[in-house]
Amino acid sequence: MTADSISNDLRAVLRRLKLSRLLDTLAERLTLARQQKMPHQDFLLLVLHDEAQRRDGQAATLRAQKAALDPKAELEAWDATAKVTFDHALLNELASLRFLDTHHNVLIVGPVGVGKTFLAHALGHVACRRGHSVLAMPMDKVLRAMRHARLTNSHEQELRRFLAVDLLILDDFCLDSMDAQESRDAYDVLTERHRSGSVIVTSNRGPDEWLATFADPVRAQSAIDRFANNAFDLVIEGESYRSRLKPTLARTA
């Protein structure tokens, strides 16, 4: 059977029920059902399962786009030949997302270019596929957004944006020194999410070096202590991973 042989009446009903995408695979499924003499109930389950999978995939894609995740940074796209070392058993455990259920955090630390952001976003994609809300932003962009929100009297609303998601990914944390207001904003985000929602932080520096980047050492110590003592540490060492992402004629083809 071909797609052209599907009746117009059936097409109209599918459109009315907003199931038009079933037509993408319906002809193949009908042929398979006839070849295997599939019971009607099994055939119905098969085509509805196709639609459910399509909708789940579409919803996950939309969540990933809303989260601002890199579409290419998925675990299955990681180059296993990369000359970097880390605890693979720990990464597998993090990919189970049990840390989200227990509201634990994740710290991914290592030198420039070893794939910290890639793995953080990859975990974000896993979370999106499983129905979780995610937001990924560089830390300097978070601080700029909070500063701008004060000028427009929308600070509380902006803070809630970072608190409402199931998983918040903060990239390049403590890369630069923060002034007093930025330190307060970083403190608010980390402490408000403590034990209520998970955070993945990527950083070139370990928590022992973060204190020097805060303007207020007391608030800094409080925020750092709460985050670090509730976080899994994924330490990455080795050569830059970014050279593997460099475009070439072969990859473009």
Foldseek 3Di string as FASTA:
>chain_A
DDLVPDDPVVCVVCVVVVNNCLSVCVVVLVVVCVVVVPDPVVSVVVSVVVVVVVVLVVQLVVLLVVQVFDPQLAPVNDDPPAFKDWDVVVLVVVLVVVCLVQLFEAEEEAAPFQCLSSSLSNSVSSCSSVPFHEHEDELVVLLVVLVVCVVVVNNVVSLVVLQVTQEYEYEAPLVAADDASSLVSLLCSQVSSQRPHYYYYYHHDDLVPNLVRYPDNVSSVVSSVSRVVRYDYIYMYGDHPVVVVDDDPVVVD
